[in-house]
Amino acid sequence: MTIGISKKRLSEWKRISVQKGLDGIKSMELLNLIIKECKELDPWLPIDENTPLDGRDLLLHDGIDTVIGFWEIDSWYTESGHVHPTHYKLLSK
């Protein structure tokens, strides 16, 4: 799992700290803000109406196993056969 803070959010913090001056946010406050804001950068997405069903390979997860698979006609498949994923991630292009 990769966690972090979005570039947009870091830019907002930079703007606020410049407006308040460097002493505007104390280091412990900044650390707490960073910890609070950290999120998984590439979260698992639920299989729903937004899931790509165009035959491309996706990283699929069923709660136990993670496999590369694809949608074909009316089901999810891997090289090994039929699967029932609950979540997916897009693979890099």
PDB file of N, CA and C in Angstrom:
ATOM      1  N   MET A   1       0.840  -1.171   0.000  1.00  0.00           N
ATOM      2  CA  MET A   1       0.000   0.000   0.000  1.00  0.00           C
ATOM      3  C   MET A   1       0.887   1.237   0.000  1.00  0.00           C
ATOM      4  N   THR A   2       0.580   2.175  -0.857  1.00  0.00           N
ATOM      5  CA  THR A   2       1.300   3.435  -0.918  1.00  0.00           C
ATOM      6  C   THR A   2       0.420   4.523  -0.329  1.00  0.00           C
ATOM      7  N   ILE A   3       0.946   5.260   0.659  1.00  0.00           N
ATOM      8  CA  ILE A   3       0.162   6.342   1.238  1.00  0.00           C
ATOM      9  C   ILE A   3       0.870   7.658   1.001  1.00  0.00           C
ATOM     10  N   GLY A   4       0.123   8.737   1.047  1.00  0.00           N
ATOM     11  CA  GLY A   4       0.709  10.053   0.845  1.00  0.00           C
ATOM     12  C   GLY A   4      -0.342  11.139   0.886  1.00  0.00           C
ATOM     13  N   ILE A   5       0.053  12.306   0.448  1.00  0.00           N
ATOM     14  CA  ILE A   5      -0.805  13.483   0.430  1.00  0.00           C
ATOM     15  C   ILE A   5      -0.830  14.007  -0.992  1.00  0.00           C
ATOM     16  N   SER A   6      -1.990  14.426  -1.441  1.00  0.00           N
ATOM     17  CA  SER A   6      -2.104  14.903  -2.812  1.00  0.00           C
ATOM     18  C   SER A   6      -1.290  16.178  -3.023  1.00  0.00           C
ATOM     19  N   LYS A   7      -0.838  16.375  -4.243  1.00  0.00           N
ATOM     20  CA  LYS A   7      -0.081  17.578  -4.601  1.00  0.00           C
ATOM     21  C   LYS A   7      -0.925  18.830  -4.346  1.00  0.00           C
ATOM     22  N   LYS A   8      -2.216  18.753  -4.628  1.00  0.00           N
ATOM     23  CA  LYS A   8      -3.124  19.880  -4.408  1.00  0.00           C
ATOM     24  C   LYS A   8      -3.147  20.263  -2.928  1.00  0.00           C
ATOM     25  N   ARG A   9      -3.252  19.264  -2.048  1.00  0.00           N
ATOM     26  CA  ARG A   9      -3.311  19.537  -0.600  1.00  0.00           C
ATOM     27  C   ARG A   9      -1.993  20.125  -0.099  1.00  0.00           C
ATOM     28  N   LEU A  10      -0.864  19.614  -0.572  1.00  0.00           N
ATOM     29  CA  LEU A  10       0.428  20.170  -0.168  1.00  0.00           C
ATOM     30  C   LEU A  10       0.565  21.621  -0.625  1.00  0.00           C
ATOM     31  N   SER A  11       0.068  21.934  -1.819  1.00  0.00           N
ATOM     32  CA  SER A  11       0.109  23.309  -2.318  1.00  0.00           C
ATOM     33  C   SER A  11      -0.730  24.228  -1.447  1.00  0.00           C
ATOM     34  N   GLU A  12      -1.883  23.726  -0.980  1.00  0.00           N
ATOM     35  CA  GLU A  12      -2.723  24.526  -0.080  1.00  0.00           C
ATOM     36  C   GLU A  12      -1.988  24.808   1.221  1.00  0.00           C
ATOM     37  N   TRP A  13      -1.317  23.811   1.772  1.00  0.00           N
ATOM     38  CA  TRP A  13      -0.554  24.011   3.002  1.00  0.00           C
ATOM     39  C   TRP A  13       0.555  25.025   2.797  1.00  0.00           C
ATOM     40  N   LYS A  14       1.229  24.954   1.665  1.00  0.00           N
ATOM     41  CA  LYS A  14       2.306  25.893   1.374  1.00  0.00           C
ATOM     42  C   LYS A  14       1.758  27.319   1.341  1.00  0.00           C
ATOM     43  N   ARG A  15       0.622  27.499   0.672  1.00  0.00           N
ATOM     44  CA  ARG A  15       0.007  28.821   0.586  1.00  0.00           C
ATOM     45  C   ARG A  15      -0.363  29.340   1.978  1.00  0.00           C
ATOM     46  N   ILE A  16      -0.953  28.501   2.814  1.00  0.00           N
ATOM     47  CA  ILE A  16      -1.349  28.901   4.168  1.00  0.00           C
ATOM     48  C   ILE A  16      -0.130  29.255   5.005  1.00  0.00           C
ATOM     49  N   SER A  17       0.934  28.433   4.912  1.00  0.00           N
ATOM     50  CA  SER A  17       2.124  28.700   5.725  1.00  0.00           C
ATOM     51  C   SER A  17       2.809  29.991   5.298  1.00  0.00           C
ATOM     52  N   VAL A  18       2.778  30.314   4.002  1.00  0.00           N
ATOM     53  CA  VAL A  18       3.357  31.576   3.530  1.00  0.00           C
ATOM     54  C   VAL A  18       2.528  32.739   4.051  1.00  0.00           C
ATOM     55  N   GLN A  19       1.210  32.616   4.030  1.00  0.00           N
ATOM     56  CA  GLN A  19       0.337  33.678   4.524  1.00  0.00           C
ATOM     57  C   GLN A  19       0.536  33.916   6.018  1.00  0.00           C
ATOM     58  N   LYS A  20       0.707  32.836   6.787  1.00  0.00           N
ATOM     59  CA  LYS A  20       0.854  32.954   8.234  1.00  0.00           C
ATOM     60  C   LYS A  20       2.304  33.218   8.656  1.00  0.00           C
ATOM     61  N   GLY A  21       3.236  33.041   7.748  1.00  0.00           N
ATOM     62  CA  GLY A  21       4.645  33.114   8.110  1.00  0.00           C
ATOM     63  C   GLY A  21       5.114  31.739   8.541  1.00  0.00           C
ATOM     64  N   LEU A  22       6.405  31.537   8.576  1.00  0.00           N
ATOM     65  CA  LEU A  22       6.954  30.215   8.877  1.00  0.00           C
ATOM     66  C   LEU A  22       6.583  29.719  10.267  1.00  0.00           C
ATOM     67  N   ASP A  23       6.312  30.624  11.201  1.00  0.00           N
ATOM     68  CA  ASP A  23       5.956  30.209  12.555  1.00  0.00           C
ATOM     69  C   ASP A  23       4.463  29.942  12.696  1.00  0.00           C
ATOM     70  N   GLY A  24       3.704  30.130  11.611  1.00  0.00           N
ATOM     71  CA  GLY A  24       2.254  29.953  11.671  1.00  0.00           C
ATOM     72  C   GLY A  24       1.833  28.533  12.008  1.00  0.00           C
ATOM     73  N   ILE A  25       2.578  27.569  11.559  1.00  0.00           N
ATOM     74  CA  ILE A  25       2.285  26.171  11.862  1.00  0.00           C
ATOM     75  C   ILE A  25       3.515  25.584  12.558  1.00  0.00           C
ATOM     76  N   LYS A  26       3.353  25.207  13.812  1.00  0.00           N
ATOM     77  CA  LYS A  26       4.459  24.609  14.555  1.00  0.00           C
ATOM     78  C   LYS A  26       4.712  23.202  14.046  1.00  0.00           C
ATOM     79  N   SER A  27       5.924  22.723  14.246  1.00  0.00           N
ATOM     80  CA  SER A  27       6.306  21.422  13.678  1.00  0.00           C
ATOM     81  C   SER A  27       5.409  20.282  14.146  1.00  0.00           C
ATOM     82  N   MET A  28       5.010  20.262  15.412  1.00  0.00           N
ATOM     83  CA  MET A  28       4.145  19.187  15.902  1.00  0.00           C
ATOM     84  C   MET A  28       2.759  19.289  15.268  1.00  0.00           C
ATOM     85  N   GLU A  29       2.262  20.512  15.102  1.00  0.00           N
ATOM     86  CA  GLU A  29       0.975  20.697  14.427  1.00  0.00           C
ATOM     87  C   GLU A  29       1.059  20.208  12.988  1.00  0.00           C
ATOM     88  N   LEU A  30       2.185  20.521  12.339  1.00  0.00           N
ATOM     89  CA  LEU A  30       2.378  20.094  10.952  1.00  0.00           C
ATOM     90  C   LEU A  30       2.426  18.573  10.861  1.00  0.00           C
ATOM     91  N   LEU A  31       3.147  17.945  11.770  1.00  0.00           N
ATOM     92  CA  LEU A  31       3.221  16.486  11.780  1.00  0.00           C
ATOM     93  C   LEU A  31       1.822  15.882  11.959  1.00  0.00           C
ATOM     94  N   ASN A  32       1.037  16.427  12.883  1.00  0.00           N
ATOM     95  CA  ASN A  32      -0.324  15.927  13.099  1.00  0.00           C
ATOM     96  C   ASN A  32      -1.195  16.125  11.860  1.00  0.00           C
ATOM     97  N   LEU A  33      -1.042  17.270  11.177  1.00  0.00           N
ATOM     98  CA  LEU A  33      -1.790  17.506   9.941  1.00  0.00           C
ATOM     99  C   LEU A  33      -1.420  16.484   8.867  1.00  0.00           C
ATOM    100  N   ILE A  34      -0.118  16.226   8.745  1.00  0.00           N
ATOM    101  CA  ILE A  34       0.343  15.268   7.733  1.00  0.00           C
ATOM    102  C   ILE A  34      -0.223  13.883   8.009  1.00  0.00           C
ATOM    103  N   ILE A  35      -0.150  13.431   9.251  1.00  0.00           N
ATOM    104  CA  ILE A  35      -0.658  12.111   9.610  1.00  0.00           C
ATOM    105  C   ILE A  35      -2.158  12.031   9.342  1.00  0.00           C
ATOM    106  N   LYS A  36      -2.887  13.085   9.703  1.00  0.00           N
ATOM    107  CA  LYS A  36      -4.340  13.117   9.498  1.00  0.00           C
ATOM    108  C   LYS A  36      -4.706  13.084   8.016  1.00  0.00           C
ATOM    109  N   GLU A  37      -3.902  13.737   7.173  1.00  0.00           N
ATOM    110  CA  GLU A  37      -4.199  13.854   5.744  1.00  0.00           C
ATOM    111  C   GLU A  37      -3.747  12.669   4.917  1.00  0.00           C
ATOM    112  N   CYS A  38      -2.829  11.846   5.436  1.00  0.00           N
ATOM    113  CA  CYS A  38      -2.307  10.736   4.642  1.00  0.00           C
ATOM    114  C   CYS A  38      -3.412   9.766   4.274  1.00  0.00           C
ATOM    115  N   LYS A  39      -3.445   9.420   3.021  1.00  0.00           N
ATOM    116  CA  LYS A  39      -4.430   8.488   2.500  1.00  0.00           C
ATOM    117  C   LYS A  39      -3.729   7.551   1.519  1.00  0.00           C
ATOM    118  N   GLU A  40      -4.351   6.417   1.281  1.00  0.00           N
ATOM    119  CA  GLU A  40      -3.812   5.509   0.278  1.00  0.00           C
ATOM    120  C   GLU A  40      -3.926   6.205  -1.076  1.00  0.00           C
ATOM    121  N   LEU A  41      -2.821   6.272  -1.815  1.00  0.00           N
ATOM    122  CA  LEU A  41      -2.799   6.985  -3.082  1.00  0.00           C
ATOM    123  C   LEU A  41      -3.419   6.195  -4.227  1.00  0.00           C
ATOM    124  N   ASP A  42      -3.433   4.913  -4.097  1.00  0.00           N
ATOM    125  CA  ASP A  42      -3.979   4.065  -5.157  1.00  0.00           C
ATOM    126  C   ASP A  42      -4.948   3.064  -4.518  1.00  0.00           C
ATOM    127  N   PRO A  43      -6.107   3.560  -4.053  1.00  0.00           N
ATOM    128  CA  PRO A  43      -7.002   2.683  -3.303  1.00  0.00           C
ATOM    129  C   PRO A  43      -7.690   1.645  -4.185  1.00  0.00           C
ATOM    130  N   TRP A  44      -8.114   0.564  -3.551  1.00  0.00           N
ATOM    131  CA  TRP A  44      -8.943  -0.422  -4.239  1.00  0.00           C
ATOM    132  C   TRP A  44     -10.297   0.218  -4.506  1.00  0.00           C
ATOM    133  N   LEU A  45     -10.812   0.040  -5.711  1.00  0.00           N
ATOM    134  CA  LEU A  45     -12.111   0.579  -6.097  1.00  0.00           C
ATOM    135  C   LEU A  45     -13.129  -0.552  -6.111  1.00  0.00           C
ATOM    136  N   PRO A  46     -14.342  -0.292  -5.651  1.00  0.00           N
ATOM    137  CA  PRO A  46     -15.342  -1.358  -5.653  1.00  0.00           C
ATOM    138  C   PRO A  46     -15.781  -1.699  -7.074  1.00  0.00           C
ATOM    139  N   ILE A  47     -16.087  -2.964  -7.292  1.00  0.00           N
ATOM    140  CA  ILE A  47     -16.667  -3.373  -8.569  1.00  0.00           C
ATOM    141  C   ILE A  47     -18.090  -2.812  -8.576  1.00  0.00           C
ATOM    142  N   ASP A  48     -18.349  -1.880  -9.484  1.00  0.00           N
ATOM    143  CA  ASP A  48     -19.670  -1.262  -9.575  1.00  0.00           C
ATOM    144  C   ASP A  48     -19.915  -0.804 -11.008  1.00  0.00           C
ATOM    145  N   GLU A  49     -20.876   0.083 -11.198  1.00  0.00           N
ATOM    146  CA  GLU A  49     -21.218   0.526 -12.552  1.00  0.00           C
ATOM    147  C   GLU A  49     -20.102   1.340 -13.212  1.00  0.00           C
ATOM    148  N   ASN A  50     -19.101   1.785 -12.450  1.00  0.00           N
ATOM    149  CA  ASN A  50     -17.984   2.551 -12.999  1.00  0.00           C
ATOM    150  C   ASN A  50     -16.784   1.684 -13.385  1.00  0.00           C
ATOM    151  N   THR A  51     -16.840   0.409 -13.088  1.00  0.00           N
ATOM    152  CA  THR A  51     -15.739  -0.497 -13.389  1.00  0.00           C
ATOM    153  C   THR A  51     -15.618  -0.704 -14.902  1.00  0.00           C
ATOM    154  N   PRO A  52     -14.407  -0.548 -15.458  1.00  0.00           N
ATOM    155  CA  PRO A  52     -14.237  -0.771 -16.895  1.00  0.00           C
ATOM    156  C   PRO A  52     -14.558  -2.220 -17.285  1.00  0.00           C
ATOM    157  N   LEU A  53     -15.429  -2.369 -18.263  1.00  0.00           N
ATOM    158  CA  LEU A  53     -15.821  -3.705 -18.738  1.00  0.00           C
ATOM    159  C   LEU A  53     -15.454  -3.875 -20.205  1.00  0.00           C
ATOM    160  N   ASP A  54     -14.325  -3.288 -20.594  1.00  0.00           N
ATOM    161  CA  ASP A  54     -13.933  -3.269 -22.006  1.00  0.00           C
ATOM    162  C   ASP A  54     -12.877  -4.316 -22.357  1.00  0.00           C
ATOM    163  N   GLY A  55     -12.675  -5.293 -21.481  1.00  0.00           N
ATOM    164  CA  GLY A  55     -11.738  -6.373 -21.774  1.00  0.00           C
ATOM    165  C   GLY A  55     -10.306  -6.103 -21.362  1.00  0.00           C
ATOM    166  N   ARG A  56     -10.007  -4.894 -20.868  1.00  0.00           N
ATOM    167  CA  ARG A  56      -8.629  -4.605 -20.447  1.00  0.00           C
ATOM    168  C   ARG A  56      -8.287  -5.356 -19.174  1.00  0.00           C
ATOM    169  N   ASP A  57      -7.007  -5.623 -18.978  1.00  0.00           N
ATOM    170  CA  ASP A  57      -6.546  -6.279 -17.762  1.00  0.00           C
ATOM    171  C   ASP A  57      -6.641  -5.313 -16.585  1.00  0.00           C
ATOM    172  N   LEU A  58      -7.151  -5.827 -15.467  1.00  0.00           N
ATOM    173  CA  LEU A  58      -7.244  -5.077 -14.219  1.00  0.00           C
ATOM    174  C   LEU A  58      -6.658  -5.929 -13.102  1.00  0.00           C
ATOM    175  N   LEU A  59      -6.222  -5.286 -12.046  1.00  0.00           N
ATOM    176  CA  LEU A  59      -5.821  -5.997 -10.842  1.00  0.00           C
ATOM    177  C   LEU A  59      -7.101  -6.218 -10.047  1.00  0.00           C
ATOM    178  N   LEU A  60      -7.456  -7.461  -9.793  1.00  0.00           N
ATOM    179  CA  LEU A  60      -8.714  -7.805  -9.145  1.00  0.00           C
ATOM    180  C   LEU A  60      -8.457  -8.397  -7.762  1.00  0.00           C
ATOM    181  N   HIS A  61      -9.351  -8.098  -6.833  1.00  0.00           N
ATOM    182  CA  HIS A  61      -9.219  -8.604  -5.464  1.00  0.00           C
ATOM    183  C   HIS A  61     -10.578  -9.115  -5.002  1.00  0.00           C
ATOM    184  N   ASP A  62     -10.594 -10.276  -4.360  1.00  0.00           N
ATOM    185  CA  ASP A  62     -11.852 -10.867  -3.904  1.00  0.00           C
ATOM    186  C   ASP A  62     -11.966 -10.937  -2.385  1.00  0.00           C
ATOM    187  N   GLY A  63     -11.108 -10.196  -1.686  1.00  0.00           N
ATOM    188  CA  GLY A  63     -11.100 -10.245  -0.226  1.00  0.00           C
ATOM    189  C   GLY A  63     -10.010 -11.158   0.307  1.00  0.00           C
ATOM    190  N   ILE A  64      -9.514 -12.049  -0.541  1.00  0.00           N
ATOM    191  CA  ILE A  64      -8.443 -12.976  -0.143  1.00  0.00           C
ATOM    192  C   ILE A  64      -7.282 -12.897  -1.126  1.00  0.00           C
ATOM    193  N   ASP A  65      -7.571 -13.155  -2.386  1.00  0.00           N
ATOM    194  CA  ASP A  65      -6.531 -13.203  -3.412  1.00  0.00           C
ATOM    195  C   ASP A  65      -6.554 -11.973  -4.305  1.00  0.00           C
ATOM    196  N   THR A  66      -5.397 -11.662  -4.854  1.00  0.00           N
ATOM    197  CA  THR A  66      -5.263 -10.594  -5.834  1.00  0.00           C
ATOM    198  C   THR A  66      -4.713 -11.202  -7.112  1.00  0.00           C
ATOM    199  N   VAL A  67      -5.398 -10.948  -8.226  1.00  0.00           N
ATOM    200  CA  VAL A  67      -5.021 -11.534  -9.510  1.00  0.00           C
ATOM    201  C   VAL A  67      -5.204 -10.500 -10.615  1.00  0.00           C
ATOM    202  N   ILE A  68      -4.580 -10.765 -11.751  1.00  0.00           N
ATOM    203  CA  ILE A  68      -4.844  -9.959 -12.944  1.00  0.00           C
ATOM    204  C   ILE A  68      -5.945 -10.663 -13.717  1.00  0.00           C
ATOM    205  N   GLY A  69      -6.970  -9.885 -14.061  1.00  0.00           N
ATOM    206  CA  GLY A  69      -8.086 -10.472 -14.775  1.00  0.00           C
ATOM    207  C   GLY A  69      -8.755  -9.468 -15.691  1.00  0.00           C
ATOM    208  N   PHE A  70      -9.824  -9.887 -16.329  1.00  0.00           N
ATOM    209  CA  PHE A  70     -10.529  -9.051 -17.302  1.00  0.00           C
ATOM    210  C   PHE A  70     -11.994  -9.457 -17.362  1.00  0.00           C
ATOM    211  N   TRP A  71     -12.828  -8.548 -17.848  1.00  0.00           N
ATOM    212  CA  TRP A  71     -14.253  -8.806 -18.047  1.00  0.00           C
ATOM    213  C   TRP A  71     -14.468  -9.302 -19.463  1.00  0.00           C
ATOM    214  N   GLU A  72     -15.236 -10.381 -19.605  1.00  0.00           N
ATOM    215  CA  GLU A  72     -15.551 -10.882 -20.943  1.00  0.00           C
ATOM    216  C   GLU A  72     -17.006 -11.334 -20.971  1.00  0.00           C
ATOM    217  N   ILE A  73     -17.785 -10.742 -21.819  1.00  0.00           N
ATOM    218  CA  ILE A  73     -19.205 -11.006 -22.041  1.00  0.00           C
ATOM    219  C   ILE A  73     -20.039 -10.739 -20.786  1.00  0.00           C
ATOM    220  N   ASP A  74     -19.959 -11.615 -19.788  1.00  0.00           N
ATOM    221  CA  ASP A  74     -20.791 -11.424 -18.599  1.00  0.00           C
ATOM    222  C   ASP A  74     -20.114 -11.880 -17.304  1.00  0.00           C
ATOM    223  N   SER A  75     -18.790 -12.064 -17.329  1.00  0.00           N
ATOM    224  CA  SER A  75     -18.079 -12.563 -16.141  1.00  0.00           C
ATOM    225  C   SER A  75     -16.639 -12.066 -16.105  1.00  0.00           C
ATOM    226  N   TRP A  76     -16.038 -12.154 -14.910  1.00  0.00           N
ATOM    227  CA  TRP A  76     -14.622 -11.848 -14.714  1.00  0.00           C
ATOM    228  C   TRP A  76     -13.815 -13.122 -14.883  1.00  0.00           C
ATOM    229  N   TYR A  77     -12.678 -13.001 -15.580  1.00  0.00           N
ATOM    230  CA  TYR A  77     -11.823 -14.154 -15.841  1.00  0.00           C
ATOM    231  C   TYR A  77     -10.356 -13.816 -15.575  1.00  0.00           C
ATOM    232  N   THR A  78      -9.588 -14.853 -15.281  1.00  0.00           N
ATOM    233  CA  THR A  78      -8.129 -14.785 -15.241  1.00  0.00           C
ATOM    234  C   THR A  78      -7.636 -15.861 -16.199  1.00  0.00           C
ATOM    235  N   GLU A  79      -6.336 -15.994 -16.307  1.00  0.00           N
ATOM    236  CA  GLU A  79      -5.795 -17.076 -17.136  1.00  0.00           C
ATOM    237  C   GLU A  79      -6.199 -18.440 -16.581  1.00  0.00           C
ATOM    238  N   SER A  80      -6.492 -18.494 -15.278  1.00  0.00           N
ATOM    239  CA  SER A  80      -6.861 -19.754 -14.630  1.00  0.00           C
ATOM    240  C   SER A  80      -8.350 -20.057 -14.670  1.00  0.00           C
ATOM    241  N   GLY A  81      -9.157 -19.077 -15.031  1.00  0.00           N
ATOM    242  CA  GLY A  81     -10.591 -19.320 -15.070  1.00  0.00           C
ATOM    243  C   GLY A  81     -11.418 -18.173 -14.521  1.00  0.00           C
ATOM    244  N   HIS A  82     -12.615 -18.480 -14.119  1.00  0.00           N
ATOM    245  CA  HIS A  82     -13.622 -17.537 -13.660  1.00  0.00           C
ATOM    246  C   HIS A  82     -13.315 -17.062 -12.224  1.00  0.00           C
ATOM    247  N   VAL A  83     -13.514 -15.771 -11.932  1.00  0.00           N
ATOM    248  CA  VAL A  83     -13.303 -15.232 -10.587  1.00  0.00           C
ATOM    249  C   VAL A  83     -14.475 -14.328 -10.210  1.00  0.00           C
ATOM    250  N   HIS A  84     -14.597 -14.038  -8.918  1.00  0.00           N
ATOM    251  CA  HIS A  84     -15.662 -13.176  -8.390  1.00  0.00           C
ATOM    252  C   HIS A  84     -15.041 -12.046  -7.564  1.00  0.00           C
ATOM    253  N   PRO A  85     -14.430 -11.051  -8.208  1.00  0.00           N
ATOM    254  CA  PRO A  85     -13.773  -9.980  -7.464  1.00  0.00           C
ATOM    255  C   PRO A  85     -14.785  -9.016  -6.841  1.00  0.00           C
ATOM    256  N   THR A  86     -14.346  -8.366  -5.775  1.00  0.00           N
ATOM    257  CA  THR A  86     -15.158  -7.322  -5.133  1.00  0.00           C
ATOM    258  C   THR A  86     -14.572  -5.940  -5.388  1.00  0.00           C
ATOM    259  N   HIS A  87     -13.255  -5.888  -5.673  1.00  0.00           N
ATOM    260  CA  HIS A  87     -12.558  -4.622  -5.873  1.00  0.00           C
ATOM    261  C   HIS A  87     -11.536  -4.750  -7.002  1.00  0.00           C
ATOM    262  N   TYR A  88     -11.113  -3.605  -7.533  1.00  0.00           N
ATOM    263  CA  TYR A  88     -10.119  -3.604  -8.612  1.00  0.00           C
ATOM    264  C   TYR A  88      -9.231  -2.370  -8.533  1.00  0.00           C
ATOM    265  N   LYS A  89      -8.120  -2.441  -9.267  1.00  0.00           N
ATOM    266  CA  LYS A  89      -7.226  -1.315  -9.497  1.00  0.00           C
ATOM    267  C   LYS A  89      -6.876  -1.341 -10.978  1.00  0.00           C
ATOM    268  N   LEU A  90      -6.714  -0.154 -11.562  1.00  0.00           N
ATOM    269  CA  LEU A  90      -6.248  -0.069 -12.940  1.00  0.00           C
ATOM    270  C   LEU A  90      -4.776  -0.412 -12.960  1.00  0.00           C
ATOM    271  N   LEU A  91      -4.332  -1.086 -13.984  1.00  0.00           N
ATOM    272  CA  LEU A  91      -2.909  -1.366 -14.155  1.00  0.00           C
ATOM    273  C   LEU A  91      -2.280  -0.213 -14.919  1.00  0.00           C
ATOM    274  N   SER A  92      -1.026   0.050 -14.674  1.00  0.00           N
ATOM    275  CA  SER A  92      -0.314   1.116 -15.393  1.00  0.00           C
ATOM    276  C   SER A  92      -0.312   0.817 -16.876  1.00  0.00           C
ATOM    277  N   LYS A  93      -0.329   1.878 -17.653  1.00  0.00           N
ATOM    278  CA  LYS A  93      -0.336   1.729 -19.108  1.00  0.00           C
ATOM    279  C   LYS A  93       1.053   1.487 -19.629  1.00  0.00           C
TER     280      LYS A  93
END
